[in-house]
N, C-alpha and C. Protein backbone atom coordinates (compact mmCIF):
# COMPACT_ATOMS: atom_id res chain seq x y z
N MET A 1 61.70 62.92 83.71
CA MET A 1 60.27 63.25 83.61
C MET A 1 59.73 63.58 84.38
N MET A 2 58.47 64.15 84.54
CA MET A 2 57.49 64.88 85.21
C MET A 2 56.26 64.27 84.47
N LYS A 3 55.78 64.20 85.81
CA LYS A 3 54.02 64.26 85.38
C LYS A 3 53.25 65.70 85.75
N LEU A 4 52.35 65.91 85.16
CA LEU A 4 51.78 67.13 85.48
C LEU A 4 50.41 66.98 85.14
N ASN A 5 49.26 67.55 85.95
CA ASN A 5 48.02 68.03 85.63
C ASN A 5 47.78 69.38 85.02
N ILE A 6 47.83 69.58 83.82
CA ILE A 6 47.32 70.71 83.68
C ILE A 6 46.22 71.19 83.77
N LEU A 7 45.77 72.28 84.21
CA LEU A 7 44.41 73.07 84.38
C LEU A 7 44.62 74.51 83.55
N ASN A 8 45.34 74.87 83.00
CA ASN A 8 45.71 76.03 82.51
C ASN A 8 46.42 75.69 81.25
N MET A 9 45.43 75.35 80.44
CA MET A 9 46.54 75.00 78.80
C MET A 9 47.08 76.35 78.25
N GLY A 10 46.46 77.33 78.21
CA GLY A 10 47.18 78.39 77.52
C GLY A 10 48.07 79.01 78.20
N ALA A 11 48.03 78.95 79.39
CA ALA A 11 49.00 79.22 80.22
C ALA A 11 50.67 78.67 79.97
N PHE A 12 50.32 77.24 80.09
CA PHE A 12 51.11 76.16 80.00
C PHE A 12 51.83 76.06 78.79
N LEU A 13 51.37 76.35 77.37
CA LEU A 13 51.83 76.06 76.21
C LEU A 13 52.30 77.53 76.06
N ARG A 14 52.16 79.11 76.83
CA ARG A 14 53.05 79.98 76.25
C ARG A 14 54.43 79.45 77.39
N VAL A 15 54.64 78.92 78.54
CA VAL A 15 55.76 78.38 79.00
C VAL A 15 56.85 77.10 77.99
N VAL A 16 55.89 76.28 77.72
CA VAL A 16 56.57 75.53 76.92
C VAL A 16 57.59 76.15 75.39
N ASP A 17 56.43 76.84 75.01
CA ASP A 17 56.88 77.83 73.46
C ASP A 17 58.06 78.68 73.40
N ALA A 18 57.95 79.08 75.18
CA ALA A 18 59.21 80.24 75.33
C ALA A 18 60.63 79.09 76.02
N CYS A 19 60.59 78.01 76.05
CA CYS A 19 61.49 76.88 76.20
C CYS A 19 62.76 76.72 75.04
N ARG A 20 64.09 76.91 75.31
CA ARG A 20 65.02 76.86 74.53
C ARG A 20 65.17 75.50 73.13
N GLY A 21 64.80 74.47 74.13
CA GLY A 21 65.51 73.27 73.53
C GLY A 21 63.88 72.27 73.21
N PRO A 22 63.54 71.20 73.09
CA PRO A 22 62.52 70.19 72.86
C PRO A 22 61.90 70.19 74.09
N VAL A 23 60.71 69.74 74.05
CA VAL A 23 60.13 69.41 75.47
C VAL A 23 58.58 68.19 74.69
N TYR A 24 59.52 67.08 75.01
CA TYR A 24 58.91 65.85 74.47
C TYR A 24 57.37 65.78 75.98
N ARG A 25 56.40 64.92 75.08
CA ARG A 25 55.31 64.48 75.70
C ARG A 25 55.32 62.97 75.40
N LEU A 26 55.56 62.02 76.48
CA LEU A 26 56.11 61.23 76.42
C LEU A 26 54.63 60.30 76.50
N LEU A 27 54.74 59.10 75.67
CA LEU A 27 53.33 58.20 75.69
C LEU A 27 53.44 56.98 76.92
N PRO A 28 52.84 56.17 76.96
CA PRO A 28 52.91 54.62 77.34
C PRO A 28 53.32 53.86 76.81
N ASP A 29 53.77 53.44 75.54
CA ASP A 29 54.35 52.60 74.72
C ASP A 29 55.72 53.45 74.45
N GLY A 30 55.97 54.42 74.64
CA GLY A 30 57.73 54.89 74.56
C GLY A 30 57.65 55.92 73.72
N THR A 31 56.69 56.37 73.12
CA THR A 31 56.67 57.03 71.76
C THR A 31 56.73 58.71 72.36
N LYS A 32 57.72 59.47 71.96
CA LYS A 32 57.56 60.99 72.13
C LYS A 32 57.57 62.01 71.18
N THR A 33 56.80 63.05 71.31
CA THR A 33 56.69 63.98 70.39
C THR A 33 56.90 65.12 71.20
N ASP A 34 57.81 66.29 70.26
CA ASP A 34 58.23 67.44 70.98
C ASP A 34 56.98 68.38 70.92
N ILE A 35 56.47 69.14 71.56
CA ILE A 35 55.16 69.65 71.76
C ILE A 35 55.70 71.17 71.67
N CYS A 36 56.98 71.73 71.87
CA CYS A 36 57.24 72.72 71.73
C CYS A 36 57.23 73.92 70.18
N ARG A 37 56.57 75.03 70.46
CA ARG A 37 56.18 75.50 68.95
C ARG A 37 56.02 74.61 67.89
N ARG A 38 54.92 73.44 68.12
CA ARG A 38 54.74 72.42 67.28
C ARG A 38 52.99 72.81 67.71
N TYR A 39 52.10 73.21 66.84
CA TYR A 39 51.03 74.35 66.65
C TYR A 39 50.00 73.01 66.60
N GLU A 40 49.99 72.30 65.76
CA GLU A 40 49.12 71.33 65.37
C GLU A 40 49.29 70.31 66.47
N VAL A 41 50.41 69.71 67.33
CA VAL A 41 50.58 69.09 68.04
C VAL A 41 49.60 69.53 69.11
N GLN A 42 49.65 70.77 69.95
CA GLN A 42 49.22 71.77 70.81
C GLN A 42 47.77 71.74 70.53
N ARG A 43 47.59 72.25 69.15
CA ARG A 43 45.94 71.85 69.18
C ARG A 43 45.36 70.75 69.36
N GLU A 44 45.55 69.60 68.80
CA GLU A 44 45.18 68.28 69.80
C GLU A 44 45.31 68.13 71.05
N LEU A 45 46.37 68.56 71.66
CA LEU A 45 46.74 68.69 72.70
C LEU A 45 45.15 69.47 73.78
N MET A 46 45.04 70.45 73.05
CA MET A 46 44.22 71.59 73.62
C MET A 46 43.00 70.86 73.42
N GLN A 47 42.36 70.18 72.19
CA GLN A 47 40.96 69.54 71.61
C GLN A 47 40.95 68.47 73.26
N THR A 48 41.85 67.95 73.60
CA THR A 48 41.74 67.13 74.65
C THR A 48 41.55 67.29 75.85
N TYR A 49 42.55 68.29 76.23
CA TYR A 49 41.96 69.05 77.23
C TYR A 49 40.96 69.27 77.58
N ARG A 50 39.98 69.96 76.30
CA ARG A 50 38.29 70.57 76.71
C ARG A 50 37.62 69.82 76.76
N GLN A 51 37.99 68.78 76.01
CA GLN A 51 37.21 66.97 76.18
C GLN A 51 37.28 66.91 77.25
N ASN A 52 38.09 67.12 78.48
CA ASN A 52 38.40 66.10 79.17
C ASN A 52 37.89 66.96 80.41
N GLY A 53 37.36 68.14 80.22
CA GLY A 53 36.68 69.15 81.23
C GLY A 53 37.69 69.84 81.78
N ASN A 54 38.54 70.78 80.50
CA ASN A 54 39.76 71.18 81.33
C ASN A 54 40.81 71.22 82.29
N ALA A 55 41.27 69.98 81.91
CA ALA A 55 42.46 69.23 82.60
C ALA A 55 42.77 68.29 81.70
N LEU A 56 44.28 67.96 81.81
CA LEU A 56 45.10 67.43 81.02
C LEU A 56 46.27 66.69 81.64
N LEU A 57 46.50 65.43 82.31
CA LEU A 57 47.64 64.75 82.72
C LEU A 57 48.65 64.28 81.55
N LEU A 58 49.53 64.85 81.83
CA LEU A 58 50.89 64.61 80.73
C LEU A 58 51.97 64.23 81.31
N SER A 59 52.94 63.46 80.95
CA SER A 59 54.28 62.72 80.80
C SER A 59 55.19 63.66 80.17
N LEU A 60 55.97 64.84 80.63
CA LEU A 60 56.93 65.34 80.09
C LEU A 60 58.21 65.37 79.95
N SER A 61 59.17 65.09 79.09
CA SER A 61 60.49 65.54 79.88
C SER A 61 61.14 66.62 78.80
N ALA A 62 62.14 67.60 79.68
CA ALA A 62 62.79 68.93 78.83
C ALA A 62 63.88 68.49 79.36
N PRO A 63 65.04 67.76 77.71
CA PRO A 63 66.21 67.98 78.25
C PRO A 63 66.95 68.95 78.87
N VAL A 64 66.78 70.33 78.41
CA VAL A 64 67.25 71.25 79.03
C VAL A 64 66.97 71.67 80.33
N PRO A 65 68.39 71.74 81.11
CA PRO A 65 67.77 72.03 82.51
C PRO A 65 67.23 73.26 82.77
N SER A 66 67.23 74.62 82.15
CA SER A 66 66.03 75.44 82.23
C SER A 66 64.91 75.45 81.81
N ASP A 67 64.81 75.02 81.28
CA ASP A 67 63.92 74.57 80.57
C ASP A 67 62.66 73.68 81.23
N TYR A 68 63.45 72.58 81.77
CA TYR A 68 62.59 71.52 83.18
C TYR A 68 62.46 72.64 84.03
N HIS A 69 63.39 73.62 84.65
CA HIS A 69 62.89 74.29 85.49
C HIS A 69 61.61 75.51 85.67
N ALA A 70 61.87 76.11 84.27
CA ALA A 70 60.55 76.62 83.83
C ALA A 70 59.49 76.21 84.12
N ILE A 71 59.01 74.79 83.82
CA ILE A 71 58.36 74.12 83.54
C ILE A 71 57.75 73.85 85.04
N VAL A 72 58.50 73.17 85.71
CA VAL A 72 58.19 72.97 86.91
C VAL A 72 57.78 74.34 87.76
N SER A 73 58.78 75.17 87.83
CA SER A 73 58.28 76.30 88.11
C SER A 73 56.89 77.24 87.79
N TYR A 74 56.55 77.15 86.79
CA TYR A 74 55.41 77.48 86.26
C TYR A 74 54.09 76.60 87.19
N TYR A 75 54.39 75.39 86.73
CA TYR A 75 53.31 74.28 87.36
C TYR A 75 53.38 74.37 88.76
N ALA A 76 54.34 74.73 89.72
CA ALA A 76 54.46 74.25 90.93
C ALA A 76 53.44 76.06 91.54
N GLY A 77 53.37 77.51 90.45
CA GLY A 77 52.85 78.66 90.55
C GLY A 77 51.64 78.57 90.25
N ASP A 78 51.09 77.52 89.48
CA ASP A 78 50.06 77.96 89.07
C ASP A 78 49.30 76.97 89.90
N CYS A 79 49.14 75.95 91.05
CA CYS A 79 48.81 75.07 91.64
C CYS A 79 48.03 75.66 92.65
């Protein structure tokens, strides 16, 4: 699991959509939703991101190791 504060949602979603496996958004109640190429869910995330002043805190899980690495590498380079 990783907790990320997303400051560039467009670039973040491009990285997520390039993943081979699912990328799950984890909610405090234990619910998980795949956000990889799920454009309806991504639109909702984008709306929340904009409402929060172009920042969004997300808890994510990426079961495919290369996907996890791609997301962490993006995040480290974006900060």
